[in-house]
N, C-alpha and C. Protein backbone atom coordinates (compact mmCIF):
# COMPACT_ATOMS: atom_id res chain seq x y z
N UNK A 1 0.93 -1.33 -0.17
CA UNK A 1 0.01 0.12 0.02
C UNK A 1 0.72 1.25 -0.30
N UNK A 2 0.62 2.47 -0.78
CA UNK A 2 1.52 3.37 -1.12
C UNK A 2 0.92 4.53 0.15
N UNK A 3 1.62 4.85 0.98
CA UNK A 3 1.50 6.00 2.18
C UNK A 3 1.16 7.38 1.53
N UNK A 4 0.29 7.88 1.95
CA UNK A 4 -0.24 9.09 1.70
C UNK A 4 -0.20 10.15 2.85
N UNK A 5 0.08 11.12 2.79
CA UNK A 5 0.10 11.99 3.53
C UNK A 5 -1.74 12.88 3.76
N UNK A 6 -1.97 13.10 5.18
CA UNK A 6 -3.23 13.36 4.86
C UNK A 6 -3.55 14.79 5.46
N UNK A 7 -2.57 15.86 5.18
CA UNK A 7 -2.81 17.10 5.52
C UNK A 7 -3.84 17.98 4.73
N UNK A 8 -4.06 18.06 3.49
CA UNK A 8 -5.02 18.45 2.79
C UNK A 8 -6.45 18.25 3.48
N UNK A 9 -6.54 16.83 3.69
CA UNK A 9 -7.98 16.52 3.88
C UNK A 9 -8.22 16.87 5.34
N UNK A 10 -7.33 16.57 5.98
CA UNK A 10 -7.62 16.92 7.56
C UNK A 10 -7.84 18.59 7.84
N UNK A 11 -7.18 19.33 7.06
CA UNK A 11 -7.24 20.60 7.10
C UNK A 11 -8.91 21.17 6.63
N UNK A 12 -8.87 20.62 5.46
CA UNK A 12 -10.37 21.08 4.79
C UNK A 12 -11.46 20.81 5.72
N UNK A 13 -11.24 19.42 6.58
CA UNK A 13 -12.43 18.95 7.61
C UNK A 13 -12.15 19.89 8.74
N UNK A 14 -11.29 20.44 9.16
CA UNK A 14 -11.13 21.43 10.36
C UNK A 14 -11.90 22.55 9.65
N UNK A 15 -11.29 22.91 8.95
CA UNK A 15 -11.85 24.50 7.99
C UNK A 15 -13.31 24.28 8.12
N UNK A 16 -14.01 23.33 7.42
CA UNK A 16 -15.46 23.32 7.35
C UNK A 16 -16.08 23.00 8.89
N UNK A 17 -15.47 22.42 9.70
CA UNK A 17 -16.00 22.25 10.89
C UNK A 17 -16.27 23.60 11.78
N UNK A 18 -15.08 24.32 11.70
CA UNK A 18 -14.86 25.66 11.92
C UNK A 18 -15.87 26.70 11.45
N UNK A 19 -15.80 26.83 10.29
CA UNK A 19 -16.65 28.24 9.54
C UNK A 19 -18.03 27.79 9.91
N UNK A 20 -18.46 26.58 9.81
CA UNK A 20 -20.06 26.19 10.16
C UNK A 20 -20.49 26.27 11.52
N UNK A 21 -19.45 26.38 12.04
CA UNK A 21 -19.67 25.86 13.65
C UNK A 21 -19.59 27.04 14.57
N UNK A 22 -18.72 28.18 14.38
CA UNK A 22 -18.43 29.52 14.96
C UNK A 22 -18.12 30.64 14.24
N UNK A 23 -17.90 31.83 15.07
CA UNK A 23 -17.95 32.75 14.23
C UNK A 23 -16.70 33.67 13.61
N UNK A 24 -15.77 33.14 14.39
CA UNK A 24 -14.50 33.93 14.44
C UNK A 24 -13.82 33.47 12.86
N UNK A 25 -13.20 34.45 12.18
CA UNK A 25 -12.72 34.20 11.08
C UNK A 25 -11.47 32.99 10.54
N UNK A 26 -11.81 32.19 10.03
CA UNK A 26 -10.49 30.97 9.72
C UNK A 26 -9.51 31.18 8.56
N UNK A 27 -8.39 31.61 8.68
CA UNK A 27 -7.19 31.75 7.60
C UNK A 27 -6.38 30.31 7.32
N UNK A 28 -5.88 30.41 6.44
CA UNK A 28 -4.63 29.42 5.91
C UNK A 28 -3.50 29.75 6.59
N UNK A 29 -3.14 31.25 6.72
CA UNK A 29 -2.40 31.91 7.23
C UNK A 29 -2.71 33.33 7.92
N UNK A 30 -1.99 33.90 8.59
CA UNK A 30 -2.26 35.16 8.96
C UNK A 30 -2.23 36.13 7.54
N UNK A 31 -3.19 36.97 7.49
CA UNK A 31 -3.40 37.50 6.61
C UNK A 31 -2.19 39.12 6.63
N UNK A 32 -1.89 39.34 5.42
CA UNK A 32 -1.14 40.56 5.43
C UNK A 32 -1.85 41.59 5.68
N UNK A 33 -3.03 41.56 5.49
CA UNK A 33 -3.53 43.14 5.79
C UNK A 33 -4.31 42.95 7.11
N UNK A 34 -4.02 42.67 7.75
CA UNK A 34 -4.60 42.37 9.47
C UNK A 34 -4.44 43.53 9.94
N UNK A 35 -5.48 44.33 10.44
CA UNK A 35 -5.40 45.49 11.03
C UNK A 35 -5.99 45.16 12.75
N UNK A 36 -4.89 45.21 13.59
CA UNK A 36 -5.04 44.53 15.08
C UNK A 36 -6.70 44.57 15.48
N UNK A 37 -7.25 45.59 15.56
CA UNK A 37 -8.26 45.92 15.90
C UNK A 37 -9.47 45.59 15.39
N UNK A 38 -9.36 45.60 13.84
CA UNK A 38 -10.38 45.13 13.01
C UNK A 38 -10.74 43.58 12.75
N UNK A 39 -9.61 42.88 12.34
CA UNK A 39 -9.66 41.81 11.76
C UNK A 39 -9.39 40.28 12.99
N UNK A 40 -9.38 40.97 13.80
CA UNK A 40 -8.98 40.18 15.09
C UNK A 40 -10.07 40.09 15.94
N UNK A 41 -10.60 38.98 16.30
CA UNK A 41 -9.78 37.90 16.72
C UNK A 41 -9.86 36.71 15.43
N UNK A 42 -9.02 35.99 15.31
CA UNK A 42 -9.15 34.99 14.11
C UNK A 42 -8.21 33.90 14.15
N UNK A 43 -8.53 32.77 13.80
CA UNK A 43 -7.82 31.51 13.62
C UNK A 43 -6.77 31.11 12.75
N UNK A 44 -5.63 30.75 12.59
CA UNK A 44 -5.16 30.36 11.45
C UNK A 44 -4.28 29.10 11.45
N UNK A 45 -4.26 28.15 10.55
CA UNK A 45 -3.73 27.04 10.66
C UNK A 45 -1.84 27.02 11.06
N UNK A 46 -1.58 26.34 11.40
CA UNK A 46 -0.28 26.44 12.14
C UNK A 46 0.20 25.10 11.63
N UNK A 47 1.63 24.55 12.55
CA UNK A 47 2.28 23.38 12.40
C UNK A 47 1.35 22.24 11.77
N UNK A 48 2.01 21.33 11.03
CA UNK A 48 1.51 20.25 10.65
C UNK A 48 2.56 18.57 11.05
N UNK A 49 2.37 17.63 11.65
CA UNK A 49 3.32 16.72 11.68
C UNK A 49 2.76 15.30 11.14
N UNK A 50 3.48 14.58 10.76
CA UNK A 50 2.73 13.39 10.31
C UNK A 50 3.89 12.29 10.64
N UNK A 51 3.36 10.91 11.18
CA UNK A 51 4.53 10.27 11.46
C UNK A 51 3.78 8.85 11.11
N UNK A 52 4.35 7.86 10.07
CA UNK A 52 3.75 6.86 9.51
C UNK A 52 3.56 5.70 10.67
N UNK A 53 2.58 5.15 10.85
CA UNK A 53 2.53 4.00 11.47
C UNK A 53 1.64 2.93 11.06
N UNK A 54 1.00 2.20 11.71
CA UNK A 54 0.43 1.05 11.03
C UNK A 54 1.28 -0.26 10.89
N UNK A 55 0.55 -0.94 9.43
CA UNK A 55 1.40 -2.08 9.01
C UNK A 55 1.57 -2.09 7.46
N UNK A 56 1.99 -3.34 7.15
CA UNK A 56 2.16 -3.33 5.75
C UNK A 56 0.73 -3.48 4.87
N UNK A 57 -0.37 -3.82 5.63
CA UNK A 57 -1.59 -3.61 5.12
C UNK A 57 -2.33 -2.27 5.08
N UNK A 58 -2.29 -1.96 6.57
CA UNK A 58 -3.28 -0.73 7.02
C UNK A 58 -1.78 0.42 7.12
N UNK A 59 -2.43 1.56 6.01
CA UNK A 59 -1.75 2.89 6.16
C UNK A 59 -2.19 3.73 6.98
N UNK A 60 -1.92 3.53 8.62
CA UNK A 60 -2.54 4.83 9.50
C UNK A 60 -1.19 5.49 9.65
N UNK A 61 -1.58 6.86 9.96
CA UNK A 61 -0.84 7.80 10.42
C UNK A 61 -1.27 8.36 11.52
N UNK A 62 -0.10 8.93 12.22
CA UNK A 62 -0.29 9.65 13.42
C UNK A 62 -0.32 11.20 13.14
N UNK A 63 -0.73 12.13 13.32
CA UNK A 63 -0.69 13.56 12.67
C UNK A 63 -1.19 14.09 13.80
N UNK A 64 -0.55 15.89 13.72
CA UNK A 64 -0.68 16.61 14.65
C UNK A 64 -1.25 18.05 13.79
N UNK A 65 -1.95 19.02 13.84
CA UNK A 65 -2.03 20.01 13.38
C UNK A 65 -2.82 21.06 14.53
N UNK A 66 -1.42 22.29 14.36
CA UNK A 66 -1.81 23.12 15.57
C UNK A 66 -2.87 24.20 14.74
N UNK A 67 -3.31 24.71 15.83
CA UNK A 67 -4.59 25.97 15.31
C UNK A 67 -4.11 27.15 16.25
N UNK A 68 -3.62 28.27 15.45
CA UNK A 68 -3.24 29.20 16.28
C UNK A 68 -4.63 30.62 16.49
N UNK A 69 -4.69 31.04 17.42
CA UNK A 69 -5.80 31.89 17.69
C UNK A 69 -5.19 33.24 18.14
N UNK A 70 -5.62 34.22 17.47
CA UNK A 70 -4.86 35.88 17.69
C UNK A 70 -6.01 36.57 18.10
N UNK A 71 -5.55 37.58 18.96
CA UNK A 71 -6.50 38.55 19.76
C UNK A 71 -5.88 39.61 20.01
N UNK A 72 -6.65 40.84 19.78
CA UNK A 72 -6.29 41.86 20.06
C UNK A 72 -6.22 42.50 21.38
N UNK A 73 -6.78 41.85 22.39
CA UNK A 73 -7.02 41.80 23.61
C UNK A 73 -5.95 41.83 24.27
N UNK A 74 -5.68 42.69 25.43
CA UNK A 74 -4.56 42.30 26.21
C UNK A 74 -4.63 41.04 27.33
N UNK A 75 -5.87 40.94 27.37
CA UNK A 75 -5.93 39.68 28.56
C UNK A 75 -6.12 38.21 28.04
N UNK A 76 -6.31 37.09 28.54
CA UNK A 76 -6.41 35.86 28.15
C UNK A 76 -7.60 35.44 27.66
N UNK A 77 -8.73 36.24 28.32
CA UNK A 77 -10.04 35.59 28.13
C UNK A 77 -10.95 35.30 27.01
N UNK A 78 -10.64 36.07 26.06
CA UNK A 78 -10.94 36.05 24.60
C UNK A 78 -10.00 34.73 23.79
N UNK A 79 -9.03 34.60 24.07
CA UNK A 79 -8.13 33.30 23.30
C UNK A 79 -8.54 32.19 24.05
N UNK A 80 -8.78 32.12 25.24
CA UNK A 80 -9.36 31.08 25.96
C UNK A 80 -10.95 30.68 25.74
N UNK A 81 -11.74 31.65 25.36
CA UNK A 81 -12.99 31.17 25.18
C UNK A 81 -12.95 30.68 23.54
N UNK A 82 -12.27 31.32 22.85
CA UNK A 82 -12.07 30.60 21.32
C UNK A 82 -11.32 29.20 21.18
N UNK A 83 -10.52 29.11 22.28
CA UNK A 83 -9.80 28.04 22.00
C UNK A 83 -10.89 26.55 22.67
N UNK A 84 -11.52 27.20 23.75
CA UNK A 84 -12.59 26.22 24.32
C UNK A 84 -13.43 25.83 23.05
N UNK A 85 -13.98 26.73 22.52
CA UNK A 85 -15.37 26.52 21.62
C UNK A 85 -14.70 25.24 20.52
N UNK A 86 -12.75 25.74 19.97
CA UNK A 86 -12.59 24.82 19.29
C UNK A 86 -12.48 23.48 19.60
N UNK A 87 -11.81 23.33 20.87
CA UNK A 87 -11.67 21.98 21.30
C UNK A 87 -13.15 21.24 21.53
N UNK A 88 -14.60 22.37 21.66
CA UNK A 88 -15.49 21.24 21.94
C UNK A 88 -15.82 21.14 20.58
N UNK A 89 -15.71 21.59 19.60
CA UNK A 89 -16.12 21.49 18.29
C UNK A 89 -15.14 20.30 17.74
N UNK A 90 -14.05 20.13 17.99
CA UNK A 90 -13.38 18.75 17.68
C UNK A 90 -13.64 17.73 18.30
N UNK A 91 -13.96 17.58 19.60
CA UNK A 91 -14.03 16.47 19.81
C UNK A 91 -15.77 16.18 20.14
N UNK A 92 -16.15 16.92 20.08
CA UNK A 92 -17.67 16.58 19.84
C UNK A 92 -18.03 15.30 19.03
N UNK A 93 -17.49 15.27 18.14
CA UNK A 93 -17.62 14.39 16.80
C UNK A 93 -16.45 14.18 15.99
N UNK A 94 -16.32 12.93 15.31
CA UNK A 94 -15.17 12.43 14.56
C UNK A 94 -15.74 13.62 12.98
N UNK A 95 -14.20 13.83 12.78
CA UNK A 95 -14.30 14.57 11.52
C UNK A 95 -14.09 13.64 10.65
N UNK A 96 -14.88 14.07 9.52
CA UNK A 96 -15.23 13.42 8.27
C UNK A 96 -14.14 14.23 7.11
N UNK A 97 -13.41 13.04 6.56
CA UNK A 97 -12.43 13.49 5.62
C UNK A 97 -12.83 13.06 4.21
N UNK A 98 -12.23 13.86 3.34
CA UNK A 98 -12.62 13.09 1.80
C UNK A 98 -11.45 12.66 1.50
N UNK A 99 -11.15 12.44 0.08
CA UNK A 99 -9.69 12.06 -0.60
C UNK A 99 -9.76 10.40 0.22
N UNK A 100 -10.31 9.58 0.52
CA UNK A 100 -10.17 8.28 1.03
C UNK A 100 -9.29 8.41 2.23
N UNK A 101 -9.78 9.23 3.13
CA UNK A 101 -8.88 9.08 4.30
C UNK A 101 -10.18 8.98 5.61
N UNK A 102 -9.98 8.35 6.58
CA UNK A 102 -10.85 8.09 7.67
C UNK A 102 -9.97 8.12 8.86
N UNK A 103 -10.83 9.29 9.93
CA UNK A 103 -10.19 9.61 11.18
C UNK A 103 -10.46 8.30 12.26
N UNK A 104 -9.82 7.80 12.92
CA UNK A 104 -10.07 6.59 13.31
C UNK A 104 -9.67 6.97 15.33
N UNK A 105 -8.89 8.29 15.45
CA UNK A 105 -9.13 8.79 16.44
C UNK A 105 -8.64 10.15 16.77
N UNK A 106 -9.52 11.13 17.32
CA UNK A 106 -8.96 12.42 17.30
C UNK A 106 -9.02 13.09 19.00
N UNK A 107 -8.40 13.74 19.20
CA UNK A 107 -8.46 14.36 20.39
C UNK A 107 -7.22 15.98 20.57
N UNK A 108 -7.80 16.79 21.51
CA UNK A 108 -7.11 17.77 21.55
C UNK A 108 -5.98 17.39 22.53
N UNK A 109 -4.29 17.57 22.31
CA UNK A 109 -3.37 17.18 22.84
C UNK A 109 -2.75 18.12 23.49
N UNK A 110 -2.78 19.55 22.94
CA UNK A 110 -1.99 20.50 23.82
C UNK A 110 -2.54 21.64 23.79
N UNK A 111 -2.43 22.75 24.81
CA UNK A 111 -2.99 24.27 24.83
C UNK A 111 -2.11 25.05 25.26
N UNK A 112 -1.58 26.09 24.74
CA UNK A 112 -0.71 27.24 25.54
C UNK A 112 -1.45 28.51 25.21
N UNK A 113 -1.46 29.30 25.84
CA UNK A 113 -1.53 30.86 25.66
C UNK A 113 -0.42 32.01 26.23
N UNK A 114 -0.21 32.78 25.42
CA UNK A 114 0.93 33.37 25.61
C UNK A 114 0.68 34.93 25.14
N UNK A 115 0.98 36.31 25.84
CA UNK A 115 1.03 37.67 25.61
C UNK A 115 1.84 37.77 24.24
N UNK A 116 1.13 38.37 23.48
CA UNK A 116 2.00 38.97 22.18
C UNK A 116 2.75 40.19 22.05
N UNK A 117 3.80 40.55 21.80
CA UNK A 117 4.17 42.03 21.83
C UNK A 117 3.79 42.65 20.59
N UNK A 118 3.32 43.97 20.39
CA UNK A 118 3.30 44.88 21.46
C UNK A 118 1.74 44.77 22.33
N UNK A 119 1.14 44.43 21.85
CA UNK A 119 -0.28 44.04 22.67
C UNK A 119 -0.86 42.93 21.91
N UNK A 120 -1.84 42.32 22.67
CA UNK A 120 -2.90 40.95 22.16
C UNK A 120 -2.11 39.60 22.91
N UNK A 121 -2.86 38.78 22.65
CA UNK A 121 -2.70 37.35 23.21
C UNK A 121 -2.57 36.37 21.87
N UNK A 122 -1.89 35.44 22.13
CA UNK A 122 -1.72 34.39 20.97
C UNK A 122 -2.20 33.06 21.89
N UNK A 123 -2.99 32.07 21.12
CA UNK A 123 -2.98 30.58 21.66
C UNK A 123 -2.58 29.90 20.50
N UNK A 124 -2.15 28.58 21.07
CA UNK A 124 -1.81 27.52 20.35
C UNK A 124 -2.64 26.27 20.91
N UNK A 125 -3.61 25.79 20.06
CA UNK A 125 -4.17 24.38 20.27
C UNK A 125 -3.65 23.47 19.13
N UNK A 126 -3.24 21.95 19.97
CA UNK A 126 -3.05 21.17 18.77
C UNK A 126 -3.85 19.80 19.02
N UNK A 127 -4.30 19.64 17.85
CA UNK A 127 -5.13 18.60 17.35
C UNK A 127 -4.36 17.02 17.60
N UNK A 128 -4.53 16.17 17.77
CA UNK A 128 -3.79 14.96 17.49
C UNK A 128 -4.78 13.83 16.98
N UNK A 129 -4.16 13.23 15.94
CA UNK A 129 -5.25 12.12 15.14
C UNK A 129 -4.60 11.13 15.00
N UNK A 130 -5.03 10.05 14.52
CA UNK A 130 -4.64 8.74 13.89
C UNK A 130 -5.94 8.77 12.74
N UNK A 131 -5.00 8.88 11.52
CA UNK A 131 -5.71 8.55 10.31
C UNK A 131 -5.33 7.58 9.39
N UNK A 132 -6.55 7.13 8.34
CA UNK A 132 -6.74 5.97 8.22
C UNK A 132 -6.51 5.97 6.55
N UNK A 133 -5.62 5.71 5.64
CA UNK A 133 -5.86 5.83 4.50
C UNK A 133 -6.48 4.66 3.77
N UNK A 134 -7.59 4.91 3.73
CA UNK A 134 -8.66 3.99 2.96
C UNK A 134 -8.55 3.66 1.33
N UNK A 135 -7.32 4.27 0.33
CA UNK A 135 -7.65 4.33 -0.82
C UNK A 135 -7.13 2.81 -1.27
N UNK A 136 -7.61 2.03 -1.71
CA UNK A 136 -6.99 0.74 -2.29
C UNK A 136 -6.58 0.90 -3.40
N UNK A 137 -5.20 0.10 -3.71
CA UNK A 137 -4.13 0.13 -4.69
C UNK A 137 -5.06 -0.46 -5.88
N UNK A 138 -4.65 0.01 -7.07
CA UNK A 138 -5.42 -0.89 -8.27
C UNK A 138 -4.45 -2.01 -9.06
C-alpha cells in the first residue's frame, strides 16, 4: 500500500467544522492586511506533523495539526474562550475526511496561551489524530 499524507484532507475538514459552527474568521495563514483591532480575533492553521504507523496492510498515520488563535485583547479571556470552543467542536464528533482518508482517533493534545508584543494574545491548540488511508491500490 502506498503511504499518503492526509494534511489537505484534515485541514479541509477542520476548516469546514470551524467555519460552519463558530463565528471567528479562519485563515490558512495570518493575512497580510490584518488590522489589529479590526480583523482580530482570528484562527490560522499552524504546524502539521506526520508520522507513519500501522502495518504493511494498513496505512495509518499519527498526525498533529496546530491551530493558532490571535486576539487584540491584552488579556487571556478571548483566546481561552475561542480555544475552548475549538476543543468542543473538535471533540464533539469525529471529523469526516475526503480523499479516501478516515479518522480513527482524534483528541486535543495540547494548549498554550501567551502575550504577544506589543499588545494582544496568542493561543496555540494542537489536535492529534490517527488517520487511516482507505484508498485501495489498483
